[in-house]
Protein backbone atom coordinates (compact mmCIF):
# COMPACT_ATOMS: atom_id res chain seq x y z
CA MET A 1 17.45 -19.72 -39.37
CA ALA A 2 14.74 -17.88 -37.47
CA LEU A 3 12.95 -15.04 -39.16
CA ILE A 4 13.44 -11.80 -37.21
CA LEU A 5 10.26 -9.73 -37.24
CA THR A 6 10.13 -5.99 -36.69
CA LEU A 7 8.22 -4.61 -33.75
CA GLN A 8 5.52 -3.39 -36.14
CA GLU A 9 5.18 -6.88 -37.67
CA ILE A 10 4.95 -8.50 -34.24
CA LEU A 11 2.32 -6.02 -33.06
CA ALA A 12 0.32 -6.71 -36.22
CA GLN A 13 -0.07 -10.43 -35.36
CA PRO A 14 -3.82 -11.05 -34.88
CA GLU A 15 -3.29 -13.26 -31.82
CA LEU A 16 -1.50 -10.36 -30.07
CA GLU A 17 -4.17 -7.75 -30.80
CA ASP A 18 -4.90 -5.66 -27.68
CA LYS A 19 -2.40 -7.72 -25.64
CA LEU A 20 0.62 -5.43 -26.04
CA LEU A 21 1.15 -1.67 -25.99
CA ASN A 22 0.87 -0.35 -29.55
CA GLN A 23 3.96 0.86 -31.41
CA ALA A 24 3.77 4.51 -30.32
CA LYS A 25 3.00 3.68 -26.65
CA THR A 26 5.89 1.19 -26.71
CA GLN A 27 8.19 3.86 -28.16
CA GLY A 28 7.15 6.30 -25.43
CA PHE A 29 7.55 3.73 -22.68
CA ILE A 30 11.01 2.75 -23.99
CA ALA A 31 11.96 6.44 -24.19
CA ALA A 32 11.01 6.81 -20.50
CA MET A 33 13.04 3.71 -19.61
CA ALA A 34 16.01 4.96 -21.64
CA ALA A 35 15.78 8.38 -19.97
CA ALA A 36 15.69 6.96 -16.42
CA PRO A 37 18.55 8.15 -14.20
CA PHE A 38 19.33 4.60 -13.03
CA PRO A 39 18.73 2.29 -16.00
CA LEU A 40 16.35 -0.53 -15.10
CA THR A 41 17.07 -3.95 -16.56
CA PRO A 42 14.61 -5.10 -19.23
CA HIS A 43 13.25 -7.90 -17.04
CA GLU A 44 12.09 -5.17 -14.61
CA TRP A 45 10.02 -3.36 -17.23
CA LEU A 46 9.25 -5.74 -20.11
CA PRO A 47 6.07 -7.12 -18.46
CA PHE A 48 4.60 -3.60 -18.42
CA LEU A 49 4.55 -3.75 -22.23
CA TRP A 50 1.89 -6.46 -21.95
CA GLY A 51 -0.04 -4.98 -19.06
CA GLY A 52 2.13 -6.19 -16.16
CA GLU A 53 1.00 -9.82 -16.43
CA GLU A 54 3.50 -12.43 -15.27
CA VAL A 55 2.96 -14.53 -18.39
CA ALA A 56 3.79 -12.97 -21.75
CA PRO A 57 0.95 -13.22 -24.33
CA PHE A 58 3.11 -14.77 -27.05
CA THR A 59 2.19 -18.01 -28.78
CA ASP A 60 5.77 -19.20 -29.15
CA GLY A 61 9.28 -18.56 -27.90
CA GLU A 62 10.57 -17.24 -31.22
CA GLN A 63 7.86 -14.58 -31.29
CA LEU A 64 8.73 -13.53 -27.72
CA GLU A 65 12.44 -13.52 -28.57
CA SER A 66 11.85 -11.32 -31.65
CA TYR A 67 9.72 -8.94 -29.59
CA ILE A 68 12.30 -8.64 -26.81
CA GLU A 69 15.06 -8.15 -29.36
CA ALA A 70 13.10 -5.37 -31.13
CA VAL A 71 12.36 -3.62 -27.84
CA ILE A 72 15.96 -3.84 -26.61
CA GLN A 73 17.23 -2.57 -29.97
CA MET A 74 14.97 0.44 -29.49
CA TRP A 75 16.31 1.01 -25.96
CA ASN A 76 19.88 0.63 -27.28
CA ALA A 77 19.15 3.33 -29.88
CA TYR A 78 17.25 5.69 -27.55
CA ARG A 79 19.60 5.70 -24.54
CA PRO A 80 22.75 7.00 -26.33
CA ALA A 81 20.65 9.40 -28.44
CA LEU A 82 19.09 10.85 -25.29
CA LEU A 83 22.49 11.14 -23.62
CA ASP A 84 24.15 12.90 -26.56
CA ASN A 85 21.22 15.19 -27.36
CA THR A 86 20.39 13.63 -30.73
CA TRP A 87 17.10 11.84 -29.90
CA GLN A 88 14.16 12.88 -32.09
CA TRP A 89 10.44 12.14 -32.17
CA PRO A 90 9.57 8.86 -33.93
CA VAL A 91 8.51 9.69 -37.51
CA GLU A 92 4.88 8.69 -36.80
CA CYS A 93 4.58 11.41 -34.15
CA GLN A 94 3.40 14.66 -35.69
CA LEU A 95 1.30 17.71 -35.03
CA ASP A 96 -2.17 17.64 -36.54
CA ASP A 97 -4.21 20.59 -37.80
CA ALA A 98 -7.54 19.13 -36.72
CA ASP A 99 -6.62 17.35 -33.48
CA ILE A 100 -3.48 19.31 -32.48
CA VAL A 101 -1.44 16.09 -32.28
CA THR A 102 -1.74 12.75 -34.08
CA ASP A 103 -2.89 9.61 -32.29
CA ALA A 104 0.69 8.35 -32.47
CA THR A 105 1.95 11.47 -30.65
CA ARG A 106 -0.73 11.10 -28.00
CA ASP A 107 0.06 7.39 -27.58
CA PHE A 108 3.80 8.10 -27.40
CA CYS A 109 3.16 10.63 -24.61
CA GLU A 110 0.95 8.12 -22.79
CA GLY A 111 3.78 5.59 -23.00
CA VAL A 112 6.26 8.13 -21.59
CA LEU A 113 3.93 8.87 -18.67
CA GLN A 114 3.43 5.14 -17.97
CA GLY A 115 7.18 4.57 -18.07
CA TRP A 116 7.81 7.55 -15.83
CA GLN A 117 5.59 5.97 -13.17
CA LEU A 118 7.89 2.95 -13.13
CA ALA A 119 11.03 5.09 -12.75
CA ARG A 120 9.38 7.70 -10.53
CA ASP A 121 11.19 6.77 -7.30
CA ASP A 122 14.56 7.05 -9.04
CA TRP A 123 13.65 10.47 -10.44
CA GLU A 124 12.51 11.64 -7.00
CA THR A 125 15.80 10.37 -5.53
CA VAL A 126 18.00 12.39 -7.91
CA MET A 127 15.60 15.34 -8.27
CA PRO A 128 13.88 15.77 -4.89
CA GLU A 129 10.84 18.01 -4.68
CA ASP A 130 12.69 21.01 -3.23
CA SER A 131 15.57 20.91 -5.76
CA GLN A 132 16.07 23.16 -8.80
CA ASP A 133 16.28 20.03 -10.93
CA ASN A 134 12.74 19.11 -9.92
CA ALA A 135 11.49 22.09 -11.95
CA LEU A 136 13.16 20.57 -15.03
CA LEU A 137 11.47 17.24 -14.37
CA GLY A 138 8.13 18.96 -13.75
CA GLY A 139 8.43 20.98 -16.96
CA VAL A 140 9.09 17.89 -19.06
CA LEU A 141 6.21 15.98 -17.46
CA LEU A 142 3.84 18.95 -17.87
CA SER A 143 4.79 19.31 -21.54
CA VAL A 144 4.32 15.60 -22.22
CA SER A 145 0.99 15.69 -20.35
CA MET A 146 -0.18 18.66 -22.42
CA LEU A 147 0.56 16.78 -25.65
CA TYR A 148 -1.13 13.67 -24.26
CA ASP A 149 -4.32 15.59 -23.51
CA PRO A 150 -4.33 18.77 -25.61
CA GLU A 151 -8.08 19.39 -25.32
CA THR A 152 -7.94 19.71 -21.53
CA SER A 153 -4.76 21.79 -21.79
CA ILE A 154 -6.37 24.22 -24.26
CA ALA A 155 -9.47 24.54 -22.05
CA THR A 156 -7.25 25.23 -19.02
CA LEU A 157 -5.22 27.82 -20.93
CA ALA A 158 -8.43 29.46 -22.21
CA GLU A 159 -9.74 29.74 -18.63
CA GLN A 160 -6.58 31.72 -17.88
CA GLY A 161 -7.20 33.98 -20.88
CA MET A 162 -4.50 32.41 -23.06
CA GLN A 163 -4.81 31.06 -26.58
CA GLY A 164 -2.81 27.86 -26.56
CA LEU A 165 -2.74 26.39 -30.06
CA GLU A 166 0.55 27.89 -31.21
CA GLN A 167 2.14 26.88 -27.90
CA PHE A 168 1.57 23.21 -28.78
CA GLU A 169 3.87 23.51 -31.77
CA GLU A 170 6.55 25.06 -29.55
CA ILE A 171 6.10 22.33 -26.93
CA PHE A 172 6.14 19.57 -29.56
CA ASN A 173 9.32 20.97 -31.11
CA ALA A 174 10.97 21.38 -27.69
CA ILE A 175 10.25 17.85 -26.40
CA PRO A 176 13.36 16.20 -27.92
CA THR A 177 15.65 18.83 -26.38
CA MET A 178 13.79 18.70 -23.06
CA LEU A 179 13.87 14.91 -22.88
CA CYS A 180 17.58 14.83 -23.78
CA GLY A 181 18.36 17.55 -21.24
CA LEU A 182 16.42 15.72 -18.54
CA THR A 183 18.17 12.43 -19.37
CA MET A 184 21.63 14.02 -19.32
CA ARG A 185 20.96 15.82 -16.02
CA GLY A 186 19.45 12.69 -14.45
CA HIS A 187 22.45 10.62 -15.57
CA GLN A 188 24.84 13.23 -14.15
CA LEU A 189 23.03 13.29 -10.80
CA ALA A 190 22.80 9.47 -10.70
CA GLU A 191 26.57 9.22 -11.12
CA GLN A 192 27.00 11.51 -8.09
CA GLU A 193 24.79 9.29 -5.92
């Protein structure tokens, strides 16, 4: 019987170092794929987890199979949670007193933004630029972007005379609700297409 490795165990394999998105980026990317209005099949997005290369960087088929299984399990957990408003930040994602957000939070947000690029056309189809729904999409993307790059966001807020640190806690705490709301609205609009 084949040994099933967790995503974390697979990512820790020395031969895969720097060849796959790290755990938090993978979680963010999968969250973006699970939130997409028209779900993309895994074969459409899996290669992006290893930089878009045609050939996966795995040394053997079992390792690839375990990886795909772990990623699809994550998608299978995220999609229903996003649709029923129960999705939460992965436990590694936290706020940080010194750096505003942890590296895991920043990486998760980077993964979401990368995934959004892949599903962007679908989002623009269901939430065109001139629609009210586009403001919801823009708000979620702005919030994720602020958590991805808090230093730039704080500098921008300061230029406008605003102190932004406490707003990051509000944004961080609101992300699960915002992402769920966006997913539910996108799903609803996709069904009307």
